Structure formats: C-alpha cells, structure tokens
Amino acid sequence: MHVEERHREILRRLRERRSIRVTEVAAELGVSPITVRRDVEALAERGLVERVHGGAVLPETAAPGTPKPPVRGGGEPVFGLIVPAADYYYPEVIKGARDAAAERGIRLVLGISQYNPDEERAQARQMLDDGIDGLLITPCGPARGRSWPTELDVPYVLVERRPEDDTMGAERVVTDHVHGARIAVRHLAEADRKRIGLLLREDSPHGALVLDGYRGGLTAAGLPAADEALFRLPPPGGDTAERERMLVGFTDAVAEGRLDAAVVHNDHDAIVVLQRLRARGVEVPDDVAIVAYDDEVAALADIPLTAIAPPKQAVGAAAVDLLAQRIADPSRPRHRIAILPELHVRSSSA
C-alpha cells in the first residue's frame, strides 16, 4: 500500500473512531507497527493528527467548526482537481489542496491537463461520470474559452484563473499578481533604481496582471513607464528567433545602462537572463538588480534571485475550503478570494 493510501486510511479511521492504536491499524492494513508509527509522525508534522501514547487522536482544532459537505449517496466526499501541470507552480497548489481535503475528510482526485483543453474537458467528464461532488479547476486554453466550467452540473471553484466572461459569477481563489508586481517594483525603487524594466513571458495567463502591477508600481514610485523597457518573451518552445531577439535586446539595454533593474517573469527566464548578463560582464546586483517572479527555483541561481512568491499552498487550501462551504450551504453568497504574494529578498537585489 502506497504511503498516501495509508495516510488516507489512517485519517478515515480517525474520523470514524476519534482515536486509533498503532498496533490495531497496522494489523488492519497489513503493515508493521513501525510503518504506521512513522505515518502518524508524518501526519502529526502536518497538523492533521495529535500523537498520543500508542496511537493518535484528531486535533481539537479540526473537530469543531469545520463543516463537512453533504455527499451524494453518502460515504466519503470526493472533489476533483484539474491543473495544467505537475512540474512547475502547481505542485504546491496540489499540496495545499491535498492537505486541506485531508483535514476535512474529503478524497481528492487529481487530473493533469498538460495545457490541452480537450484533455482537460475529457478528464472533467470522466470525473463527473465517476461521481465527484465538486470540482476545482485551472482552465487552460485561450482566455475566451476558460469559462466553460459553467456548463458543469456540480459546484466548482476556479483556481488561479479569472475568466474573460466575468459575468457568470464563478467562485475563484487566485493570487493577487497585480500586487505582486507592484511590490517588486517598489522594492527596486526603494533601492534607488530609476530605470526598471520588465521581461514578461507572453504565454503566461498571469502576464496581463503582472504588467498592470508593474505599470502601477512605476506610477506609484514616480517613475516613467517607457515602452522600450518592456520585453515580451516567447516561451522556450515558441518562436525561437523572436525569443533570442528579446533576450539580446534586454541584455543590450542593461549592458548599455538603459536599465538598472528588472522584474523577470518567470524564474526559469530570470536564471537564463542572469547567466547571459554575467557572460557580458554585467555585475548583479551592482549594475542591475533583478526580481524574479514565481519563486520556484529562484533561490537556486548562482546568484540567488530575489523573487515574488505566490502563496501557492494557501491558494490550493482556500479553494478546497471554498468549495466545501459552497456544497454545505448552496445559498451562501458567492466569494472570490485573492491572496497576496510575498517578496523574498536575496542577493540579486540586496
């Protein structure tokens, strides 16, 4: 039995019995008491259980005041979660959703669309056929097509998406990326940087929000928003010639002193830029300060990058809570939650 399956079984027994003994659960699951003891320790570190002598109990904070959604046909509630990828940005969202679901006694079923709208809809249909009680979804594809979950016949919550058709009243949990870009610019302006550029991944669904925040941050700091300071970068698998032209244009602007700071969206491109600047003899942060956006791998750069860190785990957890409350009380007012990202200061702007 896989470790996650054992954790679910332990939590299920705790919800049913309010307490468990390690030896009894080990016998029921067909594993050693040492294995169950380690599982209990891992769950206790996540705050999902409280260890007692010989076993575990539910933490007092998880028992009262936590409404459980009604379940179609009885049994354990099941939520679907469909995200575009599991290798960048979304692993932490998944973790936050998984932990919040476990606290509420909800089974979470995961789907990865790989940024394929057809695959996304196929997975949603399969989950509905399997009998999920609600869906958490990050729609992919063109912005104009991201409102399709309104067609679903179960409650749903959008995760890190604002649909173009914003009149449908869809509930959502998102990162406030406008705020993230604004605090990045403010940080650079407070370091007396006057010529702040933006290198923006043009394929990002958050790009327009980051651009809004960047421009708003410049205005708040009393700095000009020059078009020549904005570089729209195709993804690595996109237009390679245009991507190279943008990278060369950006490094030229820094090397020639036209920029003394930059916000770079995302981490991967920030590391590429850092390497190119150093190859040109540009000193970071002396000649140019850099703030990356996403904080997935920014700290691993050879000069650790200051970064804006979206609250990914908190987004996943809040989405589960919002959906559970919707199912428990269908008449409650609709909610849209925006969670603020944080600035993590490192060597690239210190």
Protein backbone atom coordinates (compact mmCIF):
# COMPACT_ATOMS: atom_id res chain seq x y z
CA MET A 1 0.00 0.00 0.00
CA HIS A 2 1.36 3.41 -1.01
CA VAL A 3 2.16 5.92 1.72
CA GLU A 4 -0.61 8.32 0.61
CA GLU A 5 -3.13 5.47 0.70
CA ARG A 6 -2.05 4.58 4.22
CA HIS A 7 -2.38 8.20 5.29
CA ARG A 8 -5.91 8.34 3.90
CA GLU A 9 -6.81 5.10 5.67
CA ILE A 10 -5.40 6.34 8.97
CA LEU A 11 -7.32 9.62 8.68
CA ARG A 12 -10.51 7.77 7.72
CA ARG A 13 -10.26 5.55 10.78
CA LEU A 14 -9.60 8.57 12.97
CA ARG A 15 -12.70 10.33 11.67
CA GLU A 16 -14.77 7.22 12.36
CA ARG A 17 -13.30 6.32 15.77
CA ARG A 18 -11.89 9.64 17.04
CA SER A 19 -8.76 7.73 18.14
CA ILE A 20 -6.62 4.84 16.89
CA ARG A 21 -3.99 2.47 18.24
CA VAL A 22 -0.90 1.88 16.10
CA THR A 23 -0.92 -1.89 16.58
CA GLU A 24 -4.58 -2.23 15.58
CA VAL A 25 -4.22 -0.14 12.43
CA ALA A 26 -1.03 -1.99 11.47
CA ALA A 27 -2.89 -5.30 11.65
CA GLU A 28 -5.81 -3.93 9.63
CA LEU A 29 -3.57 -2.52 6.90
CA GLY A 30 -1.21 -5.48 6.82
CA VAL A 31 1.92 -3.45 7.59
CA SER A 32 4.32 -3.23 10.51
CA PRO A 33 3.60 -1.08 13.58
CA ILE A 34 6.81 0.85 12.82
CA THR A 35 5.40 1.83 9.42
CA VAL A 36 2.16 3.10 10.94
CA ARG A 37 4.07 4.93 13.67
CA ARG A 38 6.09 6.75 11.01
CA ASP A 39 2.88 7.57 9.14
CA VAL A 40 1.38 9.02 12.32
CA GLU A 41 4.52 11.11 12.87
CA ALA A 42 4.30 12.46 9.32
CA LEU A 43 0.61 13.33 9.73
CA ALA A 44 1.34 14.98 13.08
CA GLU A 45 4.01 17.17 11.49
CA ARG A 46 1.35 18.40 9.04
CA GLY A 47 -1.02 19.13 11.93
CA LEU A 48 -3.59 16.54 10.82
CA VAL A 49 -3.38 14.33 13.92
CA GLU A 50 -2.15 14.51 17.50
CA ARG A 51 0.14 11.76 18.72
CA VAL A 52 -0.71 10.03 22.00
CA HIS A 53 0.92 7.07 23.70
CA GLY A 54 0.43 4.07 21.44
CA GLY A 55 -1.66 5.86 18.84
CA ALA A 56 -3.23 9.12 17.68
CA VAL A 57 -6.32 11.29 18.00
CA LEU A 58 -7.81 14.04 15.88
CA PRO A 59 -6.51 17.50 16.79
CA GLU A 60 -9.03 19.52 18.77
CA THR A 61 -8.89 22.33 16.25
CA ALA A 62 -10.04 20.06 13.44
CA ALA A 63 -13.15 18.74 15.15
CA PRO A 64 -15.48 21.69 15.91
CA GLY A 65 -16.47 24.39 13.47
CA THR A 66 -15.40 22.59 10.31
CA PRO A 67 -18.50 21.90 8.22
CA LYS A 68 -18.38 18.80 6.06
CA PRO A 69 -20.12 18.95 2.72
CA PRO A 70 -23.07 16.63 2.15
CA VAL A 71 -22.21 13.74 -0.13
CA ARG A 72 -24.29 12.36 -2.95
CA GLY A 73 -25.18 8.81 -1.98
CA GLY A 74 -23.42 9.05 1.39
CA GLY A 75 -19.86 8.00 2.16
CA GLU A 76 -16.66 9.98 1.71
CA PRO A 77 -16.97 13.29 -0.21
CA VAL A 78 -14.90 13.42 -3.39
CA PHE A 79 -13.51 16.55 -5.06
CA GLY A 80 -11.81 16.60 -8.44
CA LEU A 81 -8.78 18.82 -9.03
CA ILE A 82 -7.60 19.53 -12.59
CA VAL A 83 -4.44 21.61 -13.09
CA PRO A 84 -2.35 22.22 -16.22
CA ALA A 85 0.94 20.76 -14.95
CA ALA A 86 2.59 18.99 -12.06
CA ASP A 87 6.17 20.12 -12.63
CA TYR A 88 6.08 23.90 -12.17
CA TYR A 89 3.98 26.18 -9.96
CA TYR A 90 1.15 23.71 -9.41
CA PRO A 91 2.82 21.06 -7.17
CA GLU A 92 2.49 23.43 -4.22
CA VAL A 93 -1.12 24.23 -5.15
CA ILE A 94 -1.81 20.49 -5.21
CA LYS A 95 -0.16 20.02 -1.82
CA GLY A 96 -2.23 22.79 -0.26
CA ALA A 97 -5.43 21.31 -1.68
CA ARG A 98 -4.49 17.79 -0.63
CA ASP A 99 -3.75 18.79 2.96
CA ALA A 100 -6.94 20.85 3.26
CA ALA A 101 -9.01 17.99 1.81
CA ALA A 102 -7.49 15.51 4.27
CA GLU A 103 -8.36 17.81 7.18
CA ARG A 104 -11.98 17.89 6.05
CA GLY A 105 -12.27 14.18 5.34
CA ILE A 106 -12.52 14.76 1.59
CA ARG A 107 -10.98 12.49 -1.01
CA LEU A 108 -9.13 14.47 -3.69
CA VAL A 109 -8.84 13.09 -7.24
CA LEU A 110 -6.15 14.72 -9.39
CA GLY A 111 -6.10 15.34 -13.13
CA ILE A 112 -3.28 16.93 -15.18
CA SER A 113 -4.38 18.53 -18.45
CA GLN A 114 -0.85 19.29 -19.81
CA TYR A 115 -2.29 22.59 -21.09
CA ASN A 116 -4.52 20.66 -23.50
CA PRO A 117 -8.13 21.99 -23.44
CA ASP A 118 -9.52 18.77 -24.96
CA GLU A 119 -7.76 16.65 -22.35
CA GLU A 120 -8.98 18.98 -19.64
CA ARG A 121 -12.62 18.54 -20.65
CA ALA A 122 -12.23 14.78 -21.07
CA GLN A 123 -10.85 14.50 -17.55
CA ALA A 124 -13.66 16.62 -16.16
CA ARG A 125 -16.26 14.43 -17.88
CA GLN A 126 -14.62 11.28 -16.52
CA MET A 127 -14.60 12.70 -13.00
CA LEU A 128 -18.27 13.63 -13.29
CA ASP A 129 -19.09 10.12 -14.53
CA ASP A 130 -17.21 8.72 -11.54
CA GLY A 131 -19.40 10.76 -9.19
CA ILE A 132 -17.37 13.66 -7.82
CA ASP A 133 -19.23 16.09 -5.55
CA GLY A 134 -17.40 19.21 -6.75
CA LEU A 135 -14.56 20.33 -8.99
CA LEU A 136 -11.52 22.54 -8.51
CA ILE A 137 -10.14 23.54 -11.90
CA THR A 138 -7.49 25.70 -13.53
CA PRO A 139 -8.83 26.02 -17.10
CA CYS A 140 -6.23 26.24 -19.85
CA GLY A 141 -6.51 27.27 -23.49
CA PRO A 142 -7.40 30.74 -24.86
CA ALA A 143 -8.76 33.20 -22.32
CA ARG A 144 -12.08 33.46 -24.15
CA GLY A 145 -12.64 29.71 -23.67
CA ARG A 146 -11.87 29.45 -19.97
CA SER A 147 -15.45 29.97 -18.80
CA TRP A 148 -16.61 26.53 -19.96
CA PRO A 149 -16.87 25.08 -16.40
CA THR A 150 -20.17 26.98 -16.16
CA GLU A 151 -21.57 24.02 -18.14
CA LEU A 152 -20.88 21.60 -15.27
CA ASP A 153 -23.67 20.16 -13.17
CA VAL A 154 -21.66 20.16 -9.92
CA PRO A 155 -20.34 23.12 -7.91
CA TYR A 156 -16.88 24.24 -8.97
CA VAL A 157 -14.19 26.72 -7.99
CA LEU A 158 -11.66 28.26 -10.36
CA VAL A 159 -8.05 28.10 -9.17
CA GLU A 160 -5.63 30.82 -10.32
CA ARG A 161 -7.91 31.89 -13.17
CA ARG A 162 -10.10 34.90 -13.85
CA PRO A 163 -12.41 34.08 -16.77
CA GLU A 164 -12.78 36.57 -19.58
CA ASP A 165 -16.58 36.32 -19.23
CA ASP A 166 -16.65 37.60 -15.66
CA THR A 167 -20.45 37.97 -15.54
CA MET A 168 -21.13 34.30 -14.74
CA GLY A 169 -20.43 34.68 -11.03
CA ALA A 170 -17.90 31.84 -10.83
CA GLU A 171 -16.25 31.46 -7.45
CA ARG A 172 -12.48 31.52 -7.53
CA VAL A 173 -9.29 31.63 -5.50
CA VAL A 174 -6.36 33.45 -7.06
CA THR A 175 -3.04 35.08 -6.30
CA ASP A 176 -3.14 38.88 -6.47
CA HIS A 177 -0.47 39.13 -9.18
CA VAL A 178 -1.04 42.86 -9.61
CA HIS A 179 0.03 43.33 -6.01
CA GLY A 180 3.00 41.01 -6.55
CA ALA A 181 4.38 43.06 -9.43
CA ARG A 182 3.76 46.32 -7.57
CA ILE A 183 5.77 45.24 -4.53
CA ALA A 184 8.57 44.04 -6.83
CA VAL A 185 8.79 47.49 -8.41
CA ARG A 186 8.50 49.21 -5.03
CA HIS A 187 11.38 47.11 -3.68
CA LEU A 188 13.59 48.13 -6.61
CA ALA A 189 12.56 51.79 -6.44
CA GLU A 190 13.33 51.89 -2.71
CA ALA A 191 16.82 50.66 -3.60
CA ASP A 192 17.15 53.86 -5.71
CA ARG A 193 16.77 52.10 -9.05
CA LYS A 194 15.37 54.54 -11.59
CA ARG A 195 15.26 52.59 -14.85
CA ILE A 196 13.22 49.46 -14.10
CA GLY A 197 12.35 47.11 -16.93
CA LEU A 198 10.01 44.15 -17.26
CA LEU A 199 10.79 40.90 -19.06
CA LEU A 200 7.44 39.15 -19.40
CA ARG A 201 6.60 35.66 -20.62
CA GLU A 202 3.99 36.30 -23.28
CA ASP A 203 2.35 32.87 -22.85
CA SER A 204 1.60 33.30 -19.15
CA PRO A 205 -2.08 33.52 -18.14
CA HIS A 206 -0.92 35.92 -15.41
CA GLY A 207 1.05 38.17 -17.76
CA ALA A 208 -1.55 40.94 -18.12
CA LEU A 209 -1.89 41.17 -14.34
CA VAL A 210 1.87 41.33 -13.82
CA LEU A 211 2.06 44.07 -16.46
CA ASP A 212 -0.70 46.05 -14.73
CA GLY A 213 1.11 45.77 -11.42
CA TYR A 214 4.42 46.76 -12.96
CA ARG A 215 2.95 49.89 -14.52
CA GLY A 216 1.08 50.74 -11.34
CA GLY A 217 4.25 50.29 -9.32
CA LEU A 218 6.15 52.67 -11.58
CA THR A 219 3.39 55.28 -11.30
CA ALA A 220 3.34 54.98 -7.52
CA ALA A 221 7.12 55.43 -7.42
CA GLY A 222 7.01 58.44 -9.73
CA LEU A 223 8.99 56.66 -12.43
CA PRO A 224 8.30 56.67 -16.18
CA ALA A 225 6.75 53.64 -17.88
CA ALA A 226 8.75 53.52 -21.11
CA ASP A 227 7.72 51.10 -23.86
CA GLU A 228 11.37 50.31 -24.55
CA ALA A 229 11.69 48.90 -21.01
CA LEU A 230 9.10 46.20 -21.72
CA PHE A 231 10.24 42.95 -23.32
CA ARG A 232 7.71 40.25 -24.20
CA LEU A 233 9.47 36.91 -24.27
CA PRO A 234 8.15 33.86 -26.16
CA PRO A 235 8.42 30.53 -24.31
CA PRO A 236 11.42 28.25 -24.99
CA GLY A 237 9.34 26.10 -27.34
CA GLY A 238 7.83 29.06 -29.20
CA ASP A 239 9.25 31.49 -31.73
CA THR A 240 12.97 30.88 -31.14
CA ALA A 241 14.13 33.78 -33.33
CA GLU A 242 11.88 36.27 -31.53
CA ARG A 243 12.86 34.84 -28.16
CA GLU A 244 16.54 35.33 -28.99
CA ARG A 245 15.87 38.87 -30.24
CA MET A 246 14.14 39.77 -26.97
CA LEU A 247 16.91 38.28 -24.83
CA VAL A 248 19.60 40.11 -26.79
CA GLY A 249 17.60 43.34 -26.66
CA PHE A 250 17.19 43.04 -22.90
CA THR A 251 20.86 42.28 -22.19
CA ASP A 252 21.90 45.13 -24.51
CA ALA A 253 19.64 47.54 -22.61
CA VAL A 254 21.26 46.52 -19.33
CA ALA A 255 24.84 46.49 -20.65
CA GLU A 256 24.36 49.96 -22.17
CA GLY A 257 22.97 51.39 -18.93
CA ARG A 258 19.40 51.92 -20.17
CA LEU A 259 18.12 49.64 -17.40
CA ASP A 260 19.44 49.37 -13.85
CA ALA A 261 16.79 46.94 -12.58
CA ALA A 262 14.23 44.47 -13.89
CA VAL A 263 11.32 42.28 -12.92
CA VAL A 264 11.58 38.97 -14.81
CA HIS A 265 8.57 36.68 -15.15
CA ASN A 266 9.29 33.76 -14.62
CA ASP A 267 12.07 32.06 -12.59
CA HIS A 268 13.39 29.99 -15.49
CA ASP A 269 13.81 33.04 -17.70
CA ALA A 270 15.32 35.02 -14.83
CA ILE A 271 18.06 32.40 -14.50
CA VAL A 272 18.68 32.46 -18.27
CA VAL A 273 18.93 36.26 -18.15
CA LEU A 274 21.28 36.16 -15.17
CA GLN A 275 23.65 33.82 -16.99
CA ARG A 276 23.65 35.99 -20.11
CA LEU A 277 24.27 39.17 -18.14
CA ARG A 278 27.22 37.65 -16.31
CA ALA A 279 28.65 36.46 -19.64
CA ARG A 280 28.50 40.10 -20.80
CA GLY A 281 30.43 41.21 -17.72
CA VAL A 282 27.40 42.80 -16.07
CA GLU A 283 27.54 42.69 -12.26
CA VAL A 284 24.40 41.65 -10.38
CA PRO A 285 23.21 43.48 -8.29
CA ASP A 286 25.77 46.30 -8.70
CA ASP A 287 24.96 47.12 -12.33
CA VAL A 288 21.45 45.71 -12.40
CA ALA A 289 19.09 44.40 -9.72
CA ILE A 290 16.77 41.53 -10.60
CA VAL A 291 13.50 40.35 -9.09
CA ALA A 292 12.19 37.05 -10.45
CA TYR A 293 8.52 36.12 -10.39
CA ASP A 294 7.16 32.75 -9.12
CA ASP A 295 9.94 31.73 -6.67
CA GLU A 296 10.02 28.13 -7.81
CA VAL A 297 13.78 27.83 -8.37
CA ALA A 298 14.95 31.44 -7.92
CA ALA A 299 16.93 30.64 -4.78
CA LEU A 300 18.98 28.04 -6.69
CA ALA A 301 20.54 30.50 -9.16
CA ASP A 302 24.30 31.03 -8.88
CA ILE A 303 23.42 34.47 -7.54
CA PRO A 304 20.27 33.72 -5.52
CA LEU A 305 17.43 35.71 -7.01
CA THR A 306 15.09 37.94 -5.10
CA ALA A 307 11.61 36.75 -6.05
CA ILE A 308 7.90 37.30 -5.71
CA ALA A 309 6.41 34.15 -4.17
CA PRO A 310 2.74 33.46 -4.94
CA PRO A 311 1.01 31.76 -1.96
CA LYS A 312 0.50 28.52 -3.88
CA GLN A 313 -0.28 26.21 -0.96
CA ALA A 314 -2.66 28.76 0.53
CA VAL A 315 -4.46 29.05 -2.83
CA GLY A 316 -4.98 25.28 -3.00
CA ALA A 317 -6.21 25.09 0.58
CA ALA A 318 -8.56 28.05 0.23
CA ALA A 319 -10.05 26.56 -2.95
CA VAL A 320 -10.93 23.34 -1.13
CA ASP A 321 -12.45 25.28 1.76
CA LEU A 322 -14.47 27.49 -0.58
CA LEU A 323 -15.88 24.52 -2.49
CA ALA A 324 -16.70 22.64 0.72
CA GLN A 325 -18.59 25.64 2.07
CA ARG A 326 -20.48 26.05 -1.21
CA ILE A 327 -21.63 22.42 -1.11
CA ALA A 328 -22.52 22.61 2.58
CA ASP A 329 -24.55 25.80 2.05
CA PRO A 330 -25.62 26.32 -1.60
CA SER A 331 -27.40 29.57 -0.72
CA ARG A 332 -24.37 31.36 0.75
CA PRO A 333 -23.14 34.49 -1.07
CA ARG A 334 -20.57 33.84 -3.76
CA HIS A 335 -16.96 34.50 -2.88
CA ARG A 336 -13.88 35.49 -4.85
CA ILE A 337 -10.67 35.27 -2.89
CA ALA A 338 -7.39 36.97 -3.84
CA ILE A 339 -4.39 36.06 -1.68
CA LEU A 340 -1.36 38.35 -1.55
CA PRO A 341 2.07 37.08 -2.64
CA GLU A 342 5.25 37.85 -0.71
CA LEU A 343 8.63 39.33 -1.60
CA HIS A 344 11.62 37.13 -0.73
CA VAL A 345 14.75 39.26 -0.78
CA ARG A 346 18.02 37.59 -1.84
CA SER A 347 21.38 38.54 -3.31
CA SER A 348 20.22 39.72 -6.74
CA SER A 349 18.74 42.92 -5.34
CA ALA A 350 20.34 43.26 -1.91
